[in-house]
Amino acid sequence: MWVYIFLLLVSNNQSPVNRVVSLVPGVTETIYALGAQDKLVGVVTPCDYPQGIELPVVGNFSFPNLERIIALSPDIVFVTGGEQRYLWQRLKELGQEIFIVDPQNLQSIYSSIRDIGNILGKSKEADSLLLKMAEELKLLQSASGGLSSSQTRKVLIEISDNPLVTCGLGSFLDELITLAGGINIAHHIKKPYPIVSSEFVIKANPSVIIVVHEGSTPAKRLGWEEVDAVKEGRIYRDIDPNLILRPGPRVIKGIKALKERIYPDELFDR
């Protein structure tokens, strides 16, 4: 609740924000997309987009350094959930204002961009960015014709191979597959990032496999030679993982990249 109180204060011009630290790569991208990078005084590894960021690094994403953060005297620190939850209370105890950005779907990405714009005095820029993203998504969806149920392809996104991890119901990636016109083979699993077995994949028989980590060889796994994606050569490793794993302003590019791999010939004019 208190983060929303902070937003209310900002909207009433009672708390000017001129110095911010971003512990979230997607937030860093948003700040640059809004043209507010002059307010950014610290980042974490791997805040690597846009290229050429030259700012103090306060540690890595999983273990930011509290002393370095506080030394930069930020008005607010942008944090996220998961691995950074332990930081929230520590920063509050030190009297540091934080804002939690933890989008789980496209709509909450839009909301977080709007919130960041409000905090940084870039509301108009946020509205323009959101309009552009919505228009790009609309064009992307209209670029494809109607698909029958027999034409719709089943998709496996492989996040890890040992153990074999994919995306399930409630995950950001599950929604992206749907928006790209595919069917996530793990959509029915009520865990965002479930561990699945080889037998599960073989039985589900995906038509497309998208690998977003290093060193995986799905085609060489026992029994996978009968999987359609392996038989038809639809195993892709060339999507920039940050486009689909990093919730931020490039998410529409991520949907486009997924769609181009799921339906490389059927739907796009090259």
C-alpha atoms as a PDB file:
ATOM      1  CA  MET A   1       0.000   0.000   0.000  1.00  0.00           C
ATOM      2  CA  TRP A   2       2.754   2.460   0.875  1.00  0.00           C
ATOM      3  CA  VAL A   3       4.173   2.411  -2.682  1.00  0.00           C
ATOM      4  CA  TYR A   4       0.845   3.732  -3.914  1.00  0.00           C
ATOM      5  CA  ILE A   5       0.938   6.460  -1.273  1.00  0.00           C
ATOM      6  CA  PHE A   6       4.334   7.420  -2.695  1.00  0.00           C
ATOM      7  CA  LEU A   7       2.817   7.639  -6.163  1.00  0.00           C
ATOM      8  CA  LEU A   8       0.079   9.889  -4.821  1.00  0.00           C
ATOM      9  CA  LEU A   9       2.667  12.223  -3.299  1.00  0.00           C
ATOM     10  CA  VAL A  10       4.576  12.362  -6.569  1.00  0.00           C
ATOM     11  CA  SER A  11       1.417  13.177  -8.514  1.00  0.00           C
ATOM     12  CA  ASN A  12       0.807  16.068  -6.125  1.00  0.00           C
ATOM     13  CA  ASN A  13       4.354  17.375  -6.687  1.00  0.00           C
ATOM     14  CA  GLN A  14       5.250  16.924  -3.025  1.00  0.00           C
ATOM     15  CA  SER A  15       8.179  14.567  -3.669  1.00  0.00           C
ATOM     16  CA  PRO A  16      10.292  15.620  -6.675  1.00  0.00           C
ATOM     17  CA  VAL A  17      12.315  12.704  -7.979  1.00  0.00           C
ATOM     18  CA  ASN A  18      15.657  13.657  -9.495  1.00  0.00           C
ATOM     19  CA  ARG A  19      17.916  10.750  -8.524  1.00  0.00           C
ATOM     20  CA  VAL A  20      16.909   7.122  -9.035  1.00  0.00           C
ATOM     21  CA  VAL A  21      18.643   3.762  -8.831  1.00  0.00           C
ATOM     22  CA  SER A  22      17.291   0.898 -10.916  1.00  0.00           C
ATOM     23  CA  LEU A  23      17.847  -2.654  -9.716  1.00  0.00           C
ATOM     24  CA  VAL A  24      15.658  -3.962 -12.556  1.00  0.00           C
ATOM     25  CA  PRO A  25      16.937  -4.191 -16.171  1.00  0.00           C
ATOM     26  CA  GLY A  26      13.420  -3.764 -17.565  1.00  0.00           C
ATOM     27  CA  VAL A  27      12.973  -0.587 -15.545  1.00  0.00           C
ATOM     28  CA  THR A  28      16.323   0.715 -16.798  1.00  0.00           C
ATOM     29  CA  GLU A  29      15.141   0.172 -20.364  1.00  0.00           C
ATOM     30  CA  THR A  30      11.896   1.984 -19.561  1.00  0.00           C
ATOM     31  CA  ILE A  31      13.722   4.956 -18.064  1.00  0.00           C
ATOM     32  CA  TYR A  32      15.771   5.331 -21.233  1.00  0.00           C
ATOM     33  CA  ALA A  33      12.702   4.847 -23.445  1.00  0.00           C
ATOM     34  CA  LEU A  34      11.012   7.709 -21.567  1.00  0.00           C
ATOM     35  CA  GLY A  35      14.038   9.968 -22.011  1.00  0.00           C
ATOM     36  CA  ALA A  36      14.583  10.198 -18.243  1.00  0.00           C
ATOM     37  CA  GLN A  37      18.086   8.749 -18.130  1.00  0.00           C
ATOM     38  CA  ASP A  38      19.454  12.000 -16.696  1.00  0.00           C
ATOM     39  CA  LYS A  39      17.723  11.031 -13.431  1.00  0.00           C
ATOM     40  CA  LEU A  40      19.347   7.586 -13.342  1.00  0.00           C
ATOM     41  CA  VAL A  41      22.381   7.453 -11.037  1.00  0.00           C
ATOM     42  CA  GLY A  42      22.927   3.723 -10.549  1.00  0.00           C
ATOM     43  CA  VAL A  43      22.133   0.334 -12.102  1.00  0.00           C
ATOM     44  CA  VAL A  44      22.867  -3.362 -11.650  1.00  0.00           C
ATOM     45  CA  THR A  45      24.422  -6.008 -13.832  1.00  0.00           C
ATOM     46  CA  PRO A  46      22.962  -6.866 -16.366  1.00  0.00           C
ATOM     47  CA  CYS A  47      21.430  -3.485 -17.242  1.00  0.00           C
ATOM     48  CA  ASP A  48      22.844  -3.643 -20.770  1.00  0.00           C
ATOM     49  CA  TYR A  49      20.243  -1.962 -22.957  1.00  0.00           C
ATOM     50  CA  PRO A  50      20.480   0.464 -24.603  1.00  0.00           C
ATOM     51  CA  GLN A  51      24.141  -0.127 -25.365  1.00  0.00           C
ATOM     52  CA  GLY A  52      26.697   2.222 -23.910  1.00  0.00           C
ATOM     53  CA  ILE A  53      25.239   2.711 -20.416  1.00  0.00           C
ATOM     54  CA  GLU A  54      27.993   4.233 -18.296  1.00  0.00           C
ATOM     55  CA  LEU A  55      26.680   4.551 -14.761  1.00  0.00           C
ATOM     56  CA  PRO A  56      27.787   3.340 -11.331  1.00  0.00           C
ATOM     57  CA  VAL A  57      27.011  -0.359 -10.879  1.00  0.00           C
ATOM     58  CA  VAL A  58      25.668  -1.230  -7.418  1.00  0.00           C
ATOM     59  CA  GLY A  59      26.100  -4.997  -7.779  1.00  0.00           C
ATOM     60  CA  ASN A  60      24.325  -7.707  -9.701  1.00  0.00           C
ATOM     61  CA  PHE A  61      20.594  -8.262 -10.038  1.00  0.00           C
ATOM     62  CA  SER A  62      20.388 -10.980  -7.387  1.00  0.00           C
ATOM     63  CA  PHE A  63      22.688  -9.374  -4.829  1.00  0.00           C
ATOM     64  CA  PRO A  64      22.812  -5.566  -5.068  1.00  0.00           C
ATOM     65  CA  ASN A  65      25.097  -3.844  -2.572  1.00  0.00           C
ATOM     66  CA  LEU A  66      23.099  -1.822  -0.034  1.00  0.00           C
ATOM     67  CA  GLU A  67      26.003   0.450   0.869  1.00  0.00           C
ATOM     68  CA  ARG A  68      26.593   1.395  -2.761  1.00  0.00           C
ATOM     69  CA  ILE A  69      22.894   2.088  -3.259  1.00  0.00           C
ATOM     70  CA  ILE A  70      22.608   4.372  -0.230  1.00  0.00           C
ATOM     71  CA  ALA A  71      25.887   6.137  -1.089  1.00  0.00           C
ATOM     72  CA  LEU A  72      24.272   7.392  -4.313  1.00  0.00           C
ATOM     73  CA  SER A  73      21.581   9.253  -2.287  1.00  0.00           C
ATOM     74  CA  PRO A  74      18.670   8.220  -4.514  1.00  0.00           C
ATOM     75  CA  ASP A  75      15.216   9.720  -4.084  1.00  0.00           C
ATOM     76  CA  ILE A  76      13.809   6.316  -4.982  1.00  0.00           C
ATOM     77  CA  VAL A  77      15.074   2.825  -5.758  1.00  0.00           C
ATOM     78  CA  PHE A  78      13.225   0.649  -8.254  1.00  0.00           C
ATOM     79  CA  VAL A  79      13.128  -2.988  -7.121  1.00  0.00           C
ATOM     80  CA  THR A  80      11.315  -6.142  -8.175  1.00  0.00           C
ATOM     81  CA  GLY A  81      10.025  -9.358  -6.615  1.00  0.00           C
ATOM     82  CA  GLY A  82      11.557 -12.807  -6.422  1.00  0.00           C
ATOM     83  CA  GLU A  83      15.253 -12.629  -5.603  1.00  0.00           C
ATOM     84  CA  GLN A  84      15.033  -9.005  -4.502  1.00  0.00           C
ATOM     85  CA  ARG A  85      12.306  -9.429  -1.887  1.00  0.00           C
ATOM     86  CA  TYR A  86      14.867  -9.575   0.900  1.00  0.00           C
ATOM     87  CA  LEU A  87      15.967  -6.041  -0.020  1.00  0.00           C
ATOM     88  CA  TRP A  88      12.619  -4.380   0.549  1.00  0.00           C
ATOM     89  CA  GLN A  89      12.670  -4.406   4.346  1.00  0.00           C
ATOM     90  CA  ARG A  90      16.376  -3.585   4.548  1.00  0.00           C
ATOM     91  CA  LEU A  91      15.959  -0.507   2.369  1.00  0.00           C
ATOM     92  CA  LYS A  92      12.865   0.602   4.284  1.00  0.00           C
ATOM     93  CA  GLU A  93      14.741   0.246   7.576  1.00  0.00           C
ATOM     94  CA  LEU A  94      17.386   2.582   6.169  1.00  0.00           C
ATOM     95  CA  GLY A  95      14.686   5.133   5.330  1.00  0.00           C
ATOM     96  CA  GLN A  96      14.996   4.589   1.599  1.00  0.00           C
ATOM     97  CA  GLU A  97      11.943   5.040  -0.611  1.00  0.00           C
ATOM     98  CA  ILE A  98      11.411   2.154  -2.996  1.00  0.00           C
ATOM     99  CA  PHE A  99       8.980   1.346  -5.758  1.00  0.00           C
ATOM    100  CA  ILE A 100       8.219  -2.271  -6.613  1.00  0.00           C
ATOM    101  CA  VAL A 101       7.947  -3.121 -10.314  1.00  0.00           C
ATOM    102  CA  ASP A 102       7.051  -6.772 -10.826  1.00  0.00           C
ATOM    103  CA  PRO A 103       4.834  -7.165 -13.928  1.00  0.00           C
ATOM    104  CA  GLN A 104       3.476 -10.636 -14.614  1.00  0.00           C
ATOM    105  CA  ASN A 105       1.609  -9.936 -17.858  1.00  0.00           C
ATOM    106  CA  LEU A 106       1.369  -7.437 -20.691  1.00  0.00           C
ATOM    107  CA  GLN A 107      -1.249  -5.290 -18.972  1.00  0.00           C
ATOM    108  CA  SER A 108       0.902  -4.923 -15.856  1.00  0.00           C
ATOM    109  CA  ILE A 109       3.887  -3.987 -18.046  1.00  0.00           C
ATOM    110  CA  TYR A 110       1.772  -1.170 -19.433  1.00  0.00           C
ATOM    111  CA  SER A 111       0.799  -0.151 -15.896  1.00  0.00           C
ATOM    112  CA  SER A 112       4.404  -0.174 -14.688  1.00  0.00           C
ATOM    113  CA  ILE A 113       5.499   2.031 -17.613  1.00  0.00           C
ATOM    114  CA  ARG A 114       2.732   4.475 -16.710  1.00  0.00           C
ATOM    115  CA  ASP A 115       3.760   4.430 -13.021  1.00  0.00           C
ATOM    116  CA  ILE A 116       7.434   4.995 -13.829  1.00  0.00           C
ATOM    117  CA  GLY A 117       6.457   7.882 -16.094  1.00  0.00           C
ATOM    118  CA  ASN A 118       4.404   9.455 -13.299  1.00  0.00           C
ATOM    119  CA  ILE A 119       7.242   9.097 -10.801  1.00  0.00           C
ATOM    120  CA  LEU A 120       9.820  10.632 -13.121  1.00  0.00           C
ATOM    121  CA  GLY A 121       7.663  13.466 -14.431  1.00  0.00           C
ATOM    122  CA  LYS A 122       7.380  11.817 -17.839  1.00  0.00           C
ATOM    123  CA  SER A 123       3.653  11.096 -18.001  1.00  0.00           C
ATOM    124  CA  LYS A 124       3.237  12.405 -21.543  1.00  0.00           C
ATOM    125  CA  GLU A 125       6.216  10.404 -22.741  1.00  0.00           C
ATOM    126  CA  ALA A 126       4.791   7.288 -21.067  1.00  0.00           C
ATOM    127  CA  ASP A 127       1.445   7.809 -22.800  1.00  0.00           C
ATOM    128  CA  SER A 128       3.222   8.178 -26.156  1.00  0.00           C
ATOM    129  CA  LEU A 129       5.285   5.046 -25.568  1.00  0.00           C
ATOM    130  CA  LEU A 130       2.225   3.024 -24.566  1.00  0.00           C
ATOM    131  CA  LEU A 131       0.309   4.219 -27.629  1.00  0.00           C
ATOM    132  CA  LYS A 132       3.208   3.210 -29.871  1.00  0.00           C
ATOM    133  CA  MET A 133       3.413  -0.234 -28.237  1.00  0.00           C
ATOM    134  CA  ALA A 134      -0.350  -0.774 -28.604  1.00  0.00           C
ATOM    135  CA  GLU A 135      -0.209   0.237 -32.269  1.00  0.00           C
ATOM    136  CA  GLU A 136       2.734  -2.098 -32.924  1.00  0.00           C
ATOM    137  CA  LEU A 137       0.875  -4.989 -31.294  1.00  0.00           C
ATOM    138  CA  LYS A 138      -2.252  -4.247 -33.328  1.00  0.00           C
ATOM    139  CA  LEU A 139      -0.255  -4.193 -36.565  1.00  0.00           C
ATOM    140  CA  LEU A 140       1.494  -7.398 -35.599  1.00  0.00           C
ATOM    141  CA  GLN A 141      -1.774  -9.175 -34.928  1.00  0.00           C
ATOM    142  CA  SER A 142      -3.382  -7.870 -38.117  1.00  0.00           C
ATOM    143  CA  ALA A 143      -0.358  -9.020 -40.146  1.00  0.00           C
ATOM    144  CA  SER A 144      -1.449 -12.613 -39.691  1.00  0.00           C
ATOM    145  CA  GLY A 145      -4.461 -14.203 -41.243  1.00  0.00           C
ATOM    146  CA  GLY A 146      -6.907 -16.462 -39.478  1.00  0.00           C
ATOM    147  CA  LEU A 147      -5.600 -19.824 -38.382  1.00  0.00           C
ATOM    148  CA  SER A 148      -7.654 -22.964 -38.084  1.00  0.00           C
ATOM    149  CA  SER A 149      -7.152 -25.172 -35.051  1.00  0.00           C
ATOM    150  CA  SER A 150      -5.198 -27.610 -37.206  1.00  0.00           C
ATOM    151  CA  GLN A 151      -2.794 -24.844 -38.280  1.00  0.00           C
ATOM    152  CA  THR A 152      -2.102 -23.512 -34.790  1.00  0.00           C
ATOM    153  CA  ARG A 153       1.271 -24.734 -33.580  1.00  0.00           C
ATOM    154  CA  LYS A 154       2.149 -26.078 -30.158  1.00  0.00           C
ATOM    155  CA  VAL A 155       5.213 -24.492 -28.573  1.00  0.00           C
ATOM    156  CA  LEU A 156       7.805 -25.444 -25.962  1.00  0.00           C
ATOM    157  CA  ILE A 157       9.972 -22.678 -24.564  1.00  0.00           C
ATOM    158  CA  GLU A 158      12.956 -24.314 -22.883  1.00  0.00           C
ATOM    159  CA  ILE A 159      14.328 -22.117 -20.102  1.00  0.00           C
ATOM    160  CA  SER A 160      16.678 -24.749 -18.671  1.00  0.00           C
ATOM    161  CA  ASP A 161      17.566 -28.329 -19.577  1.00  0.00           C
ATOM    162  CA  ASN A 162      18.871 -29.680 -16.258  1.00  0.00           C
ATOM    163  CA  PRO A 163      16.283 -29.739 -14.872  1.00  0.00           C
ATOM    164  CA  LEU A 164      13.989 -29.238 -17.850  1.00  0.00           C
ATOM    165  CA  VAL A 165      12.130 -26.008 -17.066  1.00  0.00           C
ATOM    166  CA  THR A 166       9.465 -24.333 -19.184  1.00  0.00           C
ATOM    167  CA  CYS A 167       6.702 -21.774 -18.661  1.00  0.00           C
ATOM    168  CA  GLY A 168       3.270 -22.588 -17.285  1.00  0.00           C
ATOM    169  CA  LEU A 169      -0.012 -20.888 -16.482  1.00  0.00           C
ATOM    170  CA  GLY A 170       0.404 -17.452 -14.900  1.00  0.00           C
ATOM    171  CA  SER A 171       3.815 -16.769 -16.390  1.00  0.00           C
ATOM    172  CA  PHE A 172       4.702 -13.813 -18.550  1.00  0.00           C
ATOM    173  CA  LEU A 173       6.002 -16.161 -21.270  1.00  0.00           C
ATOM    174  CA  ASP A 174       2.768 -18.143 -21.393  1.00  0.00           C
ATOM    175  CA  GLU A 175       0.890 -14.974 -22.358  1.00  0.00           C
ATOM    176  CA  LEU A 176       3.509 -14.050 -24.960  1.00  0.00           C
ATOM    177  CA  ILE A 177       3.130 -17.432 -26.677  1.00  0.00           C
ATOM    178  CA  THR A 178      -0.635 -16.885 -26.845  1.00  0.00           C
ATOM    179  CA  LEU A 179      -0.222 -13.347 -28.206  1.00  0.00           C
ATOM    180  CA  ALA A 180       2.151 -14.744 -30.826  1.00  0.00           C
ATOM    181  CA  GLY A 181      -0.579 -17.147 -31.949  1.00  0.00           C
ATOM    182  CA  GLY A 182       0.885 -20.337 -30.493  1.00  0.00           C
ATOM    183  CA  ILE A 183      -0.272 -22.871 -27.921  1.00  0.00           C
ATOM    184  CA  ASN A 184       1.958 -23.360 -24.896  1.00  0.00           C
ATOM    185  CA  ILE A 185       2.208 -27.112 -24.239  1.00  0.00           C
ATOM    186  CA  ALA A 186       2.469 -26.383 -20.483  1.00  0.00           C
ATOM    187  CA  HIS A 187      -0.384 -23.878 -20.345  1.00  0.00           C
ATOM    188  CA  HIS A 188      -2.459 -26.190 -18.146  1.00  0.00           C
ATOM    189  CA  ILE A 189       0.259 -26.521 -15.494  1.00  0.00           C
ATOM    190  CA  LYS A 190      -0.606 -24.189 -12.631  1.00  0.00           C
ATOM    191  CA  LYS A 191       2.954 -23.105 -11.935  1.00  0.00           C
ATOM    192  CA  PRO A 192       4.663 -20.180 -13.670  1.00  0.00           C
ATOM    193  CA  TYR A 193       7.904 -22.083 -14.330  1.00  0.00           C
ATOM    194  CA  PRO A 194       7.385 -25.839 -13.862  1.00  0.00           C
ATOM    195  CA  ILE A 195       9.925 -28.628 -14.149  1.00  0.00           C
ATOM    196  CA  VAL A 196       8.700 -31.134 -16.726  1.00  0.00           C
ATOM    197  CA  SER A 197       9.916 -34.527 -17.906  1.00  0.00           C
ATOM    198  CA  SER A 198      11.102 -35.628 -21.329  1.00  0.00           C
ATOM    199  CA  GLU A 199       8.099 -37.929 -21.414  1.00  0.00           C
ATOM    200  CA  PHE A 200       5.798 -34.939 -20.940  1.00  0.00           C
ATOM    201  CA  VAL A 201       7.353 -33.156 -23.940  1.00  0.00           C
ATOM    202  CA  ILE A 202       7.255 -36.250 -26.136  1.00  0.00           C
ATOM    203  CA  LYS A 203       3.580 -36.798 -25.336  1.00  0.00           C
ATOM    204  CA  ALA A 204       2.702 -33.109 -25.853  1.00  0.00           C
ATOM    205  CA  ASN A 205       4.567 -33.194 -29.188  1.00  0.00           C
ATOM    206  CA  PRO A 206       5.364 -29.498 -29.751  1.00  0.00           C
ATOM    207  CA  SER A 207       5.683 -28.274 -33.340  1.00  0.00           C
ATOM    208  CA  VAL A 208       8.167 -25.571 -32.284  1.00  0.00           C
ATOM    209  CA  ILE A 209      10.900 -25.563 -29.639  1.00  0.00           C
ATOM    210  CA  ILE A 210      12.440 -22.245 -28.620  1.00  0.00           C
ATOM    211  CA  VAL A 211      15.584 -22.515 -26.488  1.00  0.00           C
ATOM    212  CA  VAL A 212      16.561 -19.494 -24.381  1.00  0.00           C
ATOM    213  CA  HIS A 213      19.688 -20.822 -22.649  1.00  0.00           C
ATOM    214  CA  GLU A 214      23.105 -22.135 -23.644  1.00  0.00           C
ATOM    215  CA  GLY A 215      24.209 -25.665 -24.409  1.00  0.00           C
ATOM    216  CA  SER A 216      20.934 -27.474 -25.050  1.00  0.00           C
ATOM    217  CA  THR A 217      20.615 -30.239 -27.681  1.00  0.00           C
ATOM    218  CA  PRO A 218      16.927 -31.259 -27.794  1.00  0.00           C
ATOM    219  CA  ALA A 219      17.375 -33.205 -31.044  1.00  0.00           C
ATOM    220  CA  LYS A 220      19.807 -35.645 -29.382  1.00  0.00           C
ATOM    221  CA  ARG A 221      17.569 -36.581 -26.452  1.00  0.00           C
ATOM    222  CA  LEU A 222      16.245 -40.101 -26.240  1.00  0.00           C
ATOM    223  CA  GLY A 223      12.790 -40.309 -27.784  1.00  0.00           C
ATOM    224  CA  TRP A 224      12.709 -36.710 -29.004  1.00  0.00           C
ATOM    225  CA  GLU A 225      13.391 -37.782 -32.593  1.00  0.00           C
ATOM    226  CA  GLU A 226       9.630 -38.393 -32.852  1.00  0.00           C
ATOM    227  CA  VAL A 227       8.726 -34.867 -31.723  1.00  0.00           C
ATOM    228  CA  ASP A 228       7.398 -32.775 -34.631  1.00  0.00           C
ATOM    229  CA  ALA A 229       9.679 -29.832 -33.852  1.00  0.00           C
ATOM    230  CA  VAL A 230      12.718 -32.115 -34.138  1.00  0.00           C
ATOM    231  CA  LYS A 231      11.499 -33.955 -37.253  1.00  0.00           C
ATOM    232  CA  GLU A 232      10.626 -30.704 -39.033  1.00  0.00           C
ATOM    233  CA  GLY A 233      13.691 -28.728 -37.945  1.00  0.00           C
ATOM    234  CA  ARG A 234      11.804 -26.140 -35.910  1.00  0.00           C
ATOM    235  CA  ILE A 235      14.242 -25.711 -33.020  1.00  0.00           C
ATOM    236  CA  TYR A 236      15.244 -22.075 -32.596  1.00  0.00           C
ATOM    237  CA  ARG A 237      18.000 -20.539 -30.470  1.00  0.00           C
ATOM    238  CA  ASP A 238      18.307 -17.143 -32.133  1.00  0.00           C
ATOM    239  CA  ILE A 239      15.800 -15.043 -30.174  1.00  0.00           C
ATOM    240  CA  ASP A 240      17.443 -12.478 -27.902  1.00  0.00           C
ATOM    241  CA  PRO A 241      16.351 -13.844 -24.489  1.00  0.00           C
ATOM    242  CA  ASN A 242      15.942 -10.323 -23.128  1.00  0.00           C
ATOM    243  CA  LEU A 243      13.118  -9.658 -25.588  1.00  0.00           C
ATOM    244  CA  ILE A 244      10.956 -12.356 -24.011  1.00  0.00           C
ATOM    245  CA  LEU A 245      12.388 -12.775 -20.491  1.00  0.00           C
ATOM    246  CA  ARG A 246      12.717  -9.097 -19.538  1.00  0.00           C
ATOM    247  CA  PRO A 247       9.358  -7.351 -19.025  1.00  0.00           C
ATOM    248  CA  GLY A 248       9.807  -3.886 -20.481  1.00  0.00           C
ATOM    249  CA  PRO A 249       9.209  -1.623 -23.469  1.00  0.00           C
ATOM    250  CA  ARG A 250      10.705  -4.120 -25.962  1.00  0.00           C
ATOM    251  CA  VAL A 251       8.085  -6.760 -25.181  1.00  0.00           C
ATOM    252  CA  ILE A 252       6.243  -6.205 -28.479  1.00  0.00           C
ATOM    253  CA  LYS A 253       9.483  -6.970 -30.316  1.00  0.00           C
ATOM    254  CA  GLY A 254       9.597 -10.166 -28.271  1.00  0.00           C
ATOM    255  CA  ILE A 255       6.098 -11.147 -29.386  1.00  0.00           C
ATOM    256  CA  LYS A 256       7.086 -10.437 -32.998  1.00  0.00           C
ATOM    257  CA  ALA A 257      10.228 -12.560 -32.650  1.00  0.00           C
ATOM    258  CA  LEU A 258       8.181 -15.447 -31.243  1.00  0.00           C
ATOM    259  CA  LYS A 259       5.590 -15.173 -34.009  1.00  0.00           C
ATOM    260  CA  GLU A 260       8.248 -15.169 -36.714  1.00  0.00           C
ATOM    261  CA  ARG A 261       9.690 -18.420 -35.308  1.00  0.00           C
ATOM    262  CA  ILE A 262       6.349 -20.143 -34.739  1.00  0.00           C
ATOM    263  CA  TYR A 263       5.021 -19.203 -38.200  1.00  0.00           C
ATOM    264  CA  PRO A 264       8.119 -18.281 -40.247  1.00  0.00           C
ATOM    265  CA  ASP A 265       6.548 -18.817 -43.657  1.00  0.00           C
ATOM    266  CA  GLU A 266       2.800 -18.824 -43.214  1.00  0.00           C
ATOM    267  CA  LEU A 267       2.091 -15.359 -41.855  1.00  0.00           C
ATOM    268  CA  PHE A 268       4.775 -12.878 -42.797  1.00  0.00           C
ATOM    269  CA  ASP A 269       5.725 -11.055 -45.922  1.00  0.00           C
ATOM    270  CA  ARG A 270       9.509 -10.918 -45.871  1.00  0.00           C
END
